[in-house]
Amino acid sequence: MSRRVLTLDHEGLAGACRRLESLCGGLRPDLVVGIAEGGVEVARRIFPQADHCLIDSSRRRNSLKGKWLSMLPVWLLDLLRMLEMRLRRRSSSVSPPVLSENLIHKARRAECILIVDDAVDSGATLQATLQALRAAAPGARVLSAVLTVTRCNPRVRPDFCCYPEGTLLRFPWSLDVKK
């Protein structure tokens, strides 16, 4: 699979979110659940009027890493991202997300729930979130939308995806974004 890296500034992110919204084809979810960090931002942009909740993905961020990364040239940052995707092992396990009482209450009342994230790598976080919400709201239709799937064969594929598989996105909130 060939990979490419795209950098989305705020305008590019807005365009990508509009494309993802159009791919959702008029879907009107009762509840939109954003996976922190990036999924929350994407969710608010594509469904601003929906009832929103947050799932903490418990991914660690290293601010020291971000300070020196942003000083490197973009071509090297792109190369490092592609290398990282080749070398990083697929996550073998993810802790199931802890659903707040408020989220469980909203999910049980919803007919359609949309989980939103910025990117799917291994698919472990999305899979765990889908399972938790389907268990909490067995009568609801639970779908997922992401901007990109970075690897071939993730554990679960989102229902809606904006960019072709293998597209690595650099978001305005990414550690290696040029300021």
N, C-alpha and C. Protein backbone atom coordinates (compact mmCIF):
# COMPACT_ATOMS: atom_id res chain seq x y z
N MET A 1 0.85 -1.17 0.00
CA MET A 1 0.00 0.00 0.00
C MET A 1 0.90 1.23 0.00
N SER A 2 0.61 2.16 -0.88
CA SER A 2 1.39 3.40 -0.87
C SER A 2 0.78 4.36 0.12
N ARG A 3 1.64 5.06 0.81
CA ARG A 3 1.18 6.03 1.81
C ARG A 3 1.52 7.43 1.33
N ARG A 4 0.72 8.34 1.78
CA ARG A 4 1.02 9.75 1.54
C ARG A 4 0.63 10.51 2.79
N VAL A 5 1.27 11.64 2.98
CA VAL A 5 0.99 12.49 4.13
C VAL A 5 0.39 13.79 3.62
N LEU A 6 -0.74 14.17 4.16
CA LEU A 6 -1.36 15.44 3.84
C LEU A 6 -1.42 16.29 5.11
N THR A 7 -1.06 17.54 4.98
CA THR A 7 -1.17 18.47 6.10
C THR A 7 -2.44 19.28 5.93
N LEU A 8 -3.30 19.25 6.94
CA LEU A 8 -4.53 20.02 6.92
C LEU A 8 -4.39 21.23 7.84
N ASP A 9 -4.44 22.41 7.27
CA ASP A 9 -4.54 23.61 8.10
C ASP A 9 -6.01 23.74 8.49
N HIS A 10 -6.39 24.81 9.13
CA HIS A 10 -7.78 24.95 9.59
C HIS A 10 -8.77 24.96 8.43
N GLU A 11 -8.38 25.59 7.32
CA GLU A 11 -9.25 25.62 6.14
C GLU A 11 -9.37 24.22 5.52
N GLY A 12 -8.24 23.52 5.42
CA GLY A 12 -8.26 22.16 4.89
C GLY A 12 -9.06 21.21 5.77
N LEU A 13 -8.96 21.40 7.07
CA LEU A 13 -9.75 20.58 8.00
C LEU A 13 -11.24 20.85 7.81
N ALA A 14 -11.60 22.11 7.64
CA ALA A 14 -13.01 22.46 7.42
C ALA A 14 -13.53 21.79 6.15
N GLY A 15 -12.73 21.81 5.09
CA GLY A 15 -13.14 21.15 3.84
C GLY A 15 -13.29 19.65 4.00
N ALA A 16 -12.35 19.03 4.70
CA ALA A 16 -12.42 17.58 4.94
C ALA A 16 -13.66 17.23 5.76
N CYS A 17 -13.97 18.05 6.74
CA CYS A 17 -15.17 17.81 7.56
C CYS A 17 -16.44 17.95 6.73
N ARG A 18 -16.46 18.92 5.82
CA ARG A 18 -17.63 19.07 4.92
C ARG A 18 -17.78 17.84 4.04
N ARG A 19 -16.66 17.32 3.52
CA ARG A 19 -16.72 16.10 2.69
C ARG A 19 -17.21 14.91 3.50
N LEU A 20 -16.73 14.79 4.74
CA LEU A 20 -17.18 13.68 5.58
C LEU A 20 -18.67 13.81 5.88
N GLU A 21 -19.12 15.02 6.14
CA GLU A 21 -20.54 15.24 6.39
C GLU A 21 -21.36 14.83 5.17
N SER A 22 -20.89 15.17 3.97
CA SER A 22 -21.65 14.79 2.77
C SER A 22 -21.63 13.27 2.56
N LEU A 23 -20.54 12.61 2.94
CA LEU A 23 -20.49 11.15 2.85
C LEU A 23 -21.50 10.49 3.79
N CYS A 24 -21.78 11.16 4.89
CA CYS A 24 -22.77 10.63 5.84
C CYS A 24 -24.19 10.73 5.27
N GLY A 25 -24.33 11.40 4.14
CA GLY A 25 -25.57 11.39 3.36
C GLY A 25 -26.85 11.76 4.08
N GLY A 26 -26.85 12.85 4.77
CA GLY A 26 -28.08 13.28 5.43
C GLY A 26 -28.37 12.58 6.74
N LEU A 27 -27.43 11.82 7.24
CA LEU A 27 -27.60 11.14 8.53
C LEU A 27 -27.86 12.19 9.61
N ARG A 28 -28.84 11.96 10.42
CA ARG A 28 -29.17 12.87 11.52
C ARG A 28 -29.13 12.09 12.83
N PRO A 29 -27.92 11.91 13.38
CA PRO A 29 -27.81 11.14 14.62
C PRO A 29 -28.41 11.89 15.81
N ASP A 30 -28.98 11.14 16.73
CA ASP A 30 -29.50 11.72 17.98
C ASP A 30 -28.35 12.07 18.91
N LEU A 31 -27.27 11.30 18.80
CA LEU A 31 -26.12 11.46 19.68
C LEU A 31 -24.85 11.31 18.86
N VAL A 32 -23.92 12.25 19.02
CA VAL A 32 -22.62 12.18 18.36
C VAL A 32 -21.57 12.04 19.46
N VAL A 33 -20.74 11.01 19.34
CA VAL A 33 -19.71 10.73 20.33
C VAL A 33 -18.35 10.92 19.67
N GLY A 34 -17.60 11.90 20.14
CA GLY A 34 -16.27 12.17 19.61
C GLY A 34 -15.22 11.48 20.45
N ILE A 35 -14.28 10.81 19.79
CA ILE A 35 -13.17 10.17 20.49
C ILE A 35 -12.06 11.22 20.64
N ALA A 36 -11.65 11.47 21.87
CA ALA A 36 -10.66 12.52 22.16
C ALA A 36 -9.34 12.14 21.53
N GLU A 37 -8.64 13.02 21.11
CA GLU A 37 -8.78 14.47 21.03
C GLU A 37 -9.43 14.90 19.71
N GLY A 38 -8.88 14.41 18.62
CA GLY A 38 -9.30 14.90 17.31
C GLY A 38 -10.73 14.61 16.93
N GLY A 39 -11.27 13.49 17.37
CA GLY A 39 -12.65 13.14 17.03
C GLY A 39 -13.66 14.14 17.55
N VAL A 40 -13.35 14.75 18.68
CA VAL A 40 -14.25 15.75 19.27
C VAL A 40 -14.33 16.97 18.35
N GLU A 41 -13.18 17.42 17.88
CA GLU A 41 -13.13 18.58 16.98
C GLU A 41 -13.87 18.29 15.68
N VAL A 42 -13.65 17.12 15.09
CA VAL A 42 -14.33 16.75 13.85
C VAL A 42 -15.83 16.63 14.07
N ALA A 43 -16.25 16.01 15.17
CA ALA A 43 -17.67 15.83 15.47
C ALA A 43 -18.38 17.17 15.58
N ARG A 44 -17.77 18.10 16.26
CA ARG A 44 -18.40 19.42 16.44
C ARG A 44 -18.53 20.17 15.12
N ARG A 45 -17.59 19.93 14.21
CA ARG A 45 -17.64 20.60 12.91
C ARG A 45 -18.70 20.01 11.99
N ILE A 46 -18.87 18.69 12.00
CA ILE A 46 -19.82 18.10 11.04
C ILE A 46 -21.25 18.05 11.56
N PHE A 47 -21.43 17.98 12.88
CA PHE A 47 -22.77 17.97 13.45
C PHE A 47 -22.84 18.94 14.62
N PRO A 48 -22.77 20.25 14.34
CA PRO A 48 -22.72 21.23 15.44
C PRO A 48 -24.00 21.27 16.28
N GLN A 49 -25.14 20.93 15.70
CA GLN A 49 -26.38 21.02 16.44
C GLN A 49 -26.75 19.74 17.19
N ALA A 50 -25.98 18.67 17.00
CA ALA A 50 -26.29 17.40 17.65
C ALA A 50 -25.88 17.42 19.12
N ASP A 51 -26.44 16.51 19.87
CA ASP A 51 -26.04 16.30 21.25
C ASP A 51 -24.68 15.60 21.23
N HIS A 52 -23.67 16.19 21.86
CA HIS A 52 -22.31 15.66 21.81
C HIS A 52 -21.86 15.09 23.14
N CYS A 53 -21.11 14.00 23.06
CA CYS A 53 -20.43 13.44 24.22
C CYS A 53 -19.01 13.11 23.81
N LEU A 54 -18.17 12.90 24.80
CA LEU A 54 -16.75 12.67 24.58
C LEU A 54 -16.35 11.32 25.15
N ILE A 55 -15.51 10.61 24.40
CA ILE A 55 -14.87 9.38 24.89
C ILE A 55 -13.38 9.68 24.98
N ASP A 56 -12.79 9.45 26.14
CA ASP A 56 -11.36 9.66 26.29
C ASP A 56 -10.65 8.40 25.80
N SER A 57 -9.80 8.55 24.81
CA SER A 57 -9.13 7.39 24.22
C SER A 57 -7.89 6.98 25.01
N SER A 58 -7.52 7.73 25.99
CA SER A 58 -6.36 7.49 26.85
C SER A 58 -5.05 7.33 26.06
N ARG A 59 -4.96 8.02 24.94
CA ARG A 59 -3.70 8.06 24.20
C ARG A 59 -2.81 9.10 24.86
N ARG A 60 -1.54 8.78 24.97
CA ARG A 60 -0.61 9.70 25.60
C ARG A 60 -0.01 10.64 24.57
N ARG A 61 0.16 11.88 24.95
CA ARG A 61 0.82 12.86 24.10
C ARG A 61 2.09 13.30 24.77
N ASN A 62 3.10 13.52 24.00
CA ASN A 62 4.40 13.92 24.52
C ASN A 62 4.70 15.33 24.03
N SER A 63 4.51 16.33 24.89
CA SER A 63 4.70 17.71 24.45
C SER A 63 6.16 18.02 24.16
N LEU A 64 7.09 17.34 24.82
CA LEU A 64 8.51 17.54 24.53
C LEU A 64 8.81 17.10 23.09
N LYS A 65 8.25 15.98 22.70
CA LYS A 65 8.41 15.47 21.34
C LYS A 65 7.90 16.51 20.34
N GLY A 66 6.77 17.12 20.62
CA GLY A 66 6.19 18.12 19.72
C GLY A 66 7.06 19.35 19.55
N LYS A 67 7.78 19.74 20.60
CA LYS A 67 8.62 20.94 20.52
C LYS A 67 9.74 20.76 19.51
N TRP A 68 10.41 19.62 19.51
CA TRP A 68 11.50 19.46 18.56
C TRP A 68 11.01 19.02 17.20
N LEU A 69 9.89 18.29 17.13
CA LEU A 69 9.38 17.86 15.84
C LEU A 69 9.00 19.04 14.95
N SER A 70 8.39 20.05 15.54
CA SER A 70 7.93 21.18 14.74
C SER A 70 9.09 21.99 14.14
N MET A 71 10.30 21.71 14.57
CA MET A 71 11.46 22.43 14.02
C MET A 71 12.03 21.74 12.77
N LEU A 72 11.63 20.51 12.49
CA LEU A 72 12.16 19.76 11.35
C LEU A 72 11.47 20.17 10.05
N PRO A 73 12.13 19.99 8.92
CA PRO A 73 11.48 20.30 7.64
C PRO A 73 10.33 19.32 7.36
N VAL A 74 9.35 19.78 6.61
CA VAL A 74 8.15 18.99 6.36
C VAL A 74 8.48 17.67 5.67
N TRP A 75 9.41 17.65 4.72
CA TRP A 75 9.73 16.41 4.01
C TRP A 75 10.24 15.35 4.99
N LEU A 76 10.98 15.78 6.01
CA LEU A 76 11.50 14.84 7.00
C LEU A 76 10.38 14.40 7.95
N LEU A 77 9.48 15.31 8.30
CA LEU A 77 8.33 14.95 9.12
C LEU A 77 7.46 13.91 8.42
N ASP A 78 7.25 14.10 7.11
CA ASP A 78 6.47 13.13 6.34
C ASP A 78 7.15 11.77 6.34
N LEU A 79 8.45 11.75 6.13
CA LEU A 79 9.21 10.51 6.13
C LEU A 79 9.13 9.82 7.49
N LEU A 80 9.26 10.58 8.56
CA LEU A 80 9.16 10.02 9.91
C LEU A 80 7.78 9.43 10.18
N ARG A 81 6.72 10.10 9.70
CA ARG A 81 5.36 9.57 9.88
C ARG A 81 5.20 8.23 9.16
N MET A 82 5.68 8.16 7.92
CA MET A 82 5.55 6.92 7.16
C MET A 82 6.37 5.80 7.80
N LEU A 83 7.55 6.13 8.28
CA LEU A 83 8.39 5.15 8.97
C LEU A 83 7.72 4.67 10.26
N GLU A 84 7.16 5.59 11.01
CA GLU A 84 6.47 5.23 12.24
C GLU A 84 5.32 4.26 11.97
N MET A 85 4.57 4.49 10.90
CA MET A 85 3.45 3.59 10.59
C MET A 85 3.94 2.20 10.22
N ARG A 86 5.10 2.13 9.57
CA ARG A 86 5.66 0.82 9.22
C ARG A 86 6.18 0.06 10.43
N LEU A 87 6.77 0.80 11.37
CA LEU A 87 7.43 0.16 12.50
C LEU A 87 6.52 -0.06 13.71
N ARG A 88 5.51 0.78 13.84
CA ARG A 88 4.65 0.68 15.03
C ARG A 88 3.81 -0.59 14.95
N ARG A 89 3.81 -1.30 16.01
CA ARG A 89 3.02 -2.52 16.08
C ARG A 89 1.55 -2.17 16.25
N ARG A 90 0.73 -3.07 15.75
CA ARG A 90 -0.71 -2.91 15.92
C ARG A 90 -1.03 -3.10 17.39
N SER A 91 -1.85 -2.23 17.93
CA SER A 91 -2.22 -2.31 19.34
C SER A 91 -2.95 -3.62 19.60
N SER A 92 -2.46 -4.38 20.56
CA SER A 92 -3.07 -5.67 20.83
C SER A 92 -4.30 -5.56 21.73
N SER A 93 -4.31 -4.57 22.57
CA SER A 93 -5.49 -4.42 23.43
C SER A 93 -5.66 -2.96 23.82
N VAL A 94 -6.90 -2.60 23.95
CA VAL A 94 -7.26 -1.26 24.39
C VAL A 94 -8.26 -1.43 25.51
N SER A 95 -8.09 -0.67 26.56
CA SER A 95 -9.06 -0.73 27.64
C SER A 95 -10.41 -0.25 27.14
N PRO A 96 -11.47 -0.96 27.51
CA PRO A 96 -12.79 -0.48 27.08
C PRO A 96 -13.03 0.92 27.64
N PRO A 97 -13.64 1.77 26.85
CA PRO A 97 -13.89 3.13 27.35
C PRO A 97 -14.87 3.10 28.51
N VAL A 98 -14.66 3.99 29.45
CA VAL A 98 -15.58 4.12 30.57
C VAL A 98 -16.66 5.10 30.14
N LEU A 99 -17.89 4.62 30.07
CA LEU A 99 -19.01 5.47 29.66
C LEU A 99 -19.60 6.14 30.89
N SER A 100 -19.71 7.44 30.84
CA SER A 100 -20.30 8.17 31.96
C SER A 100 -21.79 7.83 32.05
N GLU A 101 -22.36 8.04 33.22
CA GLU A 101 -23.80 7.82 33.40
C GLU A 101 -24.60 8.68 32.44
N ASN A 102 -24.13 9.92 32.23
CA ASN A 102 -24.80 10.83 31.31
C ASN A 102 -24.79 10.26 29.88
N LEU A 103 -23.65 9.74 29.45
CA LEU A 103 -23.55 9.16 28.11
C LEU A 103 -24.44 7.92 27.98
N ILE A 104 -24.43 7.07 28.98
CA ILE A 104 -25.28 5.87 28.95
C ILE A 104 -26.74 6.27 28.86
N HIS A 105 -27.15 7.25 29.65
CA HIS A 105 -28.53 7.73 29.63
C HIS A 105 -28.91 8.25 28.24
N LYS A 106 -28.04 9.08 27.64
CA LYS A 106 -28.31 9.63 26.31
C LYS A 106 -28.32 8.53 25.26
N ALA A 107 -27.41 7.57 25.37
CA ALA A 107 -27.33 6.48 24.39
C ALA A 107 -28.59 5.62 24.43
N ARG A 108 -29.11 5.36 25.60
CA ARG A 108 -30.32 4.53 25.72
C ARG A 108 -31.54 5.19 25.11
N ARG A 109 -31.53 6.52 25.06
CA ARG A 109 -32.66 7.26 24.48
C ARG A 109 -32.50 7.47 22.98
N ALA A 110 -31.31 7.22 22.47
CA ALA A 110 -31.01 7.51 21.05
C ALA A 110 -31.43 6.36 20.14
N GLU A 111 -31.85 6.74 18.94
CA GLU A 111 -32.12 5.75 17.90
C GLU A 111 -30.91 5.57 17.00
N CYS A 112 -30.15 6.66 16.83
CA CYS A 112 -28.96 6.62 15.97
C CYS A 112 -27.81 7.33 16.68
N ILE A 113 -26.70 6.62 16.83
CA ILE A 113 -25.50 7.16 17.48
C ILE A 113 -24.37 7.14 16.45
N LEU A 114 -23.66 8.25 16.35
CA LEU A 114 -22.51 8.32 15.45
C LEU A 114 -21.25 8.54 16.27
N ILE A 115 -20.28 7.66 16.10
CA ILE A 115 -18.97 7.80 16.73
C ILE A 115 -18.05 8.46 15.70
N VAL A 116 -17.35 9.50 16.11
CA VAL A 116 -16.49 10.25 15.19
C VAL A 116 -15.07 10.28 15.73
N ASP A 117 -14.10 10.04 14.83
CA ASP A 117 -12.69 10.18 15.19
C ASP A 117 -11.96 10.81 14.02
N ASP A 118 -10.78 11.33 14.29
CA ASP A 118 -10.01 11.93 13.21
C ASP A 118 -9.35 10.86 12.34
N ALA A 119 -8.81 9.80 12.96
CA ALA A 119 -8.11 8.76 12.21
C ALA A 119 -8.25 7.41 12.89
N VAL A 120 -8.26 6.36 12.08
CA VAL A 120 -8.22 4.99 12.57
C VAL A 120 -6.89 4.41 12.16
N ASP A 121 -6.12 3.96 13.14
CA ASP A 121 -4.85 3.29 12.86
C ASP A 121 -5.09 1.78 12.94
N SER A 122 -4.98 1.20 14.11
CA SER A 122 -5.22 -0.24 14.25
C SER A 122 -6.71 -0.56 14.28
N GLY A 123 -7.52 0.41 14.68
CA GLY A 123 -8.95 0.19 14.80
C GLY A 123 -9.37 -0.28 16.18
N ALA A 124 -8.40 -0.45 17.08
CA ALA A 124 -8.70 -0.98 18.42
C ALA A 124 -9.58 -0.01 19.23
N THR A 125 -9.27 1.27 19.18
CA THR A 125 -10.07 2.24 19.95
C THR A 125 -11.49 2.31 19.41
N LEU A 126 -11.62 2.36 18.08
CA LEU A 126 -12.96 2.42 17.49
C LEU A 126 -13.74 1.15 17.80
N GLN A 127 -13.09 0.01 17.70
CA GLN A 127 -13.76 -1.26 18.00
C GLN A 127 -14.26 -1.30 19.44
N ALA A 128 -13.42 -0.89 20.39
CA ALA A 128 -13.81 -0.90 21.80
C ALA A 128 -14.96 0.07 22.05
N THR A 129 -14.94 1.23 21.40
CA THR A 129 -16.00 2.21 21.58
C THR A 129 -17.31 1.72 20.97
N LEU A 130 -17.25 1.13 19.78
CA LEU A 130 -18.45 0.56 19.17
C LEU A 130 -19.07 -0.51 20.07
N GLN A 131 -18.24 -1.40 20.59
CA GLN A 131 -18.74 -2.48 21.45
C GLN A 131 -19.39 -1.91 22.71
N ALA A 132 -18.75 -0.93 23.33
CA ALA A 132 -19.28 -0.36 24.58
C ALA A 132 -20.63 0.34 24.33
N LEU A 133 -20.71 1.10 23.24
CA LEU A 133 -21.97 1.80 22.97
C LEU A 133 -23.08 0.86 22.52
N ARG A 134 -22.74 -0.16 21.77
CA ARG A 134 -23.76 -1.15 21.37
C ARG A 134 -24.28 -1.92 22.58
N ALA A 135 -23.40 -2.17 23.53
CA ALA A 135 -23.84 -2.85 24.76
C ALA A 135 -24.71 -1.93 25.62
N ALA A 136 -24.37 -0.65 25.66
CA ALA A 136 -25.13 0.31 26.48
C ALA A 136 -26.48 0.66 25.85
N ALA A 137 -26.55 0.61 24.52
CA ALA A 137 -27.78 0.99 23.82
C ALA A 137 -28.10 -0.05 22.75
N PRO A 138 -28.53 -1.24 23.16
CA PRO A 138 -28.72 -2.32 22.18
C PRO A 138 -29.78 -2.02 21.11
N GLY A 139 -30.70 -1.10 21.38
CA GLY A 139 -31.73 -0.78 20.40
C GLY A 139 -31.32 0.29 19.41
N ALA A 140 -30.17 0.89 19.61
CA ALA A 140 -29.74 2.01 18.76
C ALA A 140 -28.91 1.51 17.57
N ARG A 141 -28.99 2.27 16.51
CA ARG A 141 -28.11 2.05 15.35
C ARG A 141 -26.83 2.83 15.64
N VAL A 142 -25.69 2.13 15.71
CA VAL A 142 -24.42 2.76 16.06
C VAL A 142 -23.51 2.71 14.83
N LEU A 143 -23.14 3.90 14.33
CA LEU A 143 -22.30 4.03 13.14
C LEU A 143 -21.03 4.78 13.49
N SER A 144 -20.08 4.78 12.55
CA SER A 144 -18.82 5.49 12.80
C SER A 144 -18.38 6.25 11.56
N ALA A 145 -17.70 7.37 11.80
CA ALA A 145 -17.18 8.21 10.73
C ALA A 145 -15.80 8.73 11.13
N VAL A 146 -14.86 8.67 10.20
CA VAL A 146 -13.50 9.16 10.44
C VAL A 146 -13.01 9.89 9.19
N LEU A 147 -12.00 10.70 9.38
CA LEU A 147 -11.41 11.37 8.22
C LEU A 147 -10.52 10.42 7.43
N THR A 148 -9.76 9.55 8.11
CA THR A 148 -8.85 8.65 7.39
C THR A 148 -8.64 7.34 8.13
N VAL A 149 -8.35 6.30 7.36
CA VAL A 149 -7.90 5.01 7.88
C VAL A 149 -6.45 4.87 7.42
N THR A 150 -5.53 4.84 8.36
CA THR A 150 -4.11 4.93 8.00
C THR A 150 -3.47 3.59 7.63
N ARG A 151 -4.04 2.48 8.07
CA ARG A 151 -3.45 1.17 7.83
C ARG A 151 -4.41 0.29 7.05
N CYS A 152 -3.84 -0.69 6.35
CA CYS A 152 -4.71 -1.68 5.73
C CYS A 152 -5.10 -2.67 6.82
N ASN A 153 -6.26 -3.21 6.69
CA ASN A 153 -6.79 -4.22 7.61
C ASN A 153 -6.90 -3.78 9.07
N PRO A 154 -7.55 -2.65 9.36
CA PRO A 154 -7.78 -2.33 10.77
C PRO A 154 -8.78 -3.33 11.36
N ARG A 155 -8.84 -3.39 12.65
CA ARG A 155 -9.76 -4.33 13.31
C ARG A 155 -11.20 -4.09 12.92
N VAL A 156 -11.52 -2.84 12.71
CA VAL A 156 -12.88 -2.49 12.29
C VAL A 156 -12.77 -1.33 11.31
N ARG A 157 -13.62 -1.36 10.31
CA ARG A 157 -13.65 -0.28 9.32
C ARG A 157 -14.81 0.66 9.66
N PRO A 158 -14.56 1.95 9.56
CA PRO A 158 -15.64 2.89 9.82
C PRO A 158 -16.69 2.82 8.72
N ASP A 159 -17.90 3.24 9.05
CA ASP A 159 -18.97 3.27 8.06
C ASP A 159 -18.74 4.37 7.02
N PHE A 160 -18.14 5.46 7.45
CA PHE A 160 -17.86 6.59 6.57
C PHE A 160 -16.41 7.02 6.74
N CYS A 161 -15.72 7.26 5.62
CA CYS A 161 -14.32 7.67 5.66
C CYS A 161 -14.06 8.63 4.50
N CYS A 162 -13.38 9.72 4.79
CA CYS A 162 -13.17 10.79 3.83
C CYS A 162 -12.00 10.54 2.87
N TYR A 163 -10.87 10.08 3.38
CA TYR A 163 -9.67 9.91 2.57
C TYR A 163 -9.41 8.44 2.29
N PRO A 164 -8.72 8.15 1.17
CA PRO A 164 -8.42 6.75 0.86
C PRO A 164 -7.46 6.13 1.88
N GLU A 165 -7.58 4.82 2.01
CA GLU A 165 -6.74 4.08 2.95
C GLU A 165 -5.27 4.38 2.71
N GLY A 166 -4.53 4.54 3.80
CA GLY A 166 -3.11 4.82 3.70
C GLY A 166 -2.77 6.29 3.73
N THR A 167 -3.78 7.15 3.78
CA THR A 167 -3.52 8.59 3.85
C THR A 167 -3.27 8.97 5.30
N LEU A 168 -2.09 9.50 5.56
CA LEU A 168 -1.73 9.98 6.89
C LEU A 168 -2.01 11.47 6.92
N LEU A 169 -2.77 11.91 7.89
CA LEU A 169 -3.13 13.32 7.98
C LEU A 169 -2.39 13.99 9.12
N ARG A 170 -1.90 15.18 8.85
CA ARG A 170 -1.32 16.03 9.88
C ARG A 170 -2.38 17.10 10.16
N PHE A 171 -2.91 17.09 11.37
CA PHE A 171 -3.99 17.99 11.76
C PHE A 171 -3.42 19.25 12.43
N PRO A 172 -4.23 20.29 12.55
CA PRO A 172 -3.75 21.48 13.26
C PRO A 172 -3.31 21.18 14.69
N TRP A 173 -3.81 20.10 15.29
CA TRP A 173 -3.46 19.74 16.67
C TRP A 173 -2.34 18.69 16.73
N SER A 174 -1.83 18.24 15.60
CA SER A 174 -0.77 17.23 15.60
C SER A 174 0.52 17.78 16.22
N LEU A 175 1.27 16.87 16.83
CA LEU A 175 2.53 17.28 17.47
C LEU A 175 3.55 17.80 16.46
N ASP A 176 3.51 17.29 15.23
CA ASP A 176 4.52 17.67 14.26
C ASP A 176 4.05 18.74 13.27
N VAL A 177 3.00 19.46 13.61
CA VAL A 177 2.52 20.52 12.72
C VAL A 177 3.46 21.71 12.79
N LYS A 178 3.70 22.32 11.65
CA LYS A 178 4.54 23.52 11.61
C LYS A 178 3.71 24.70 12.06
N LYS A 179 4.23 25.43 13.03
CA LYS A 179 3.49 26.57 13.59
C LYS A 179 3.80 27.82 12.82
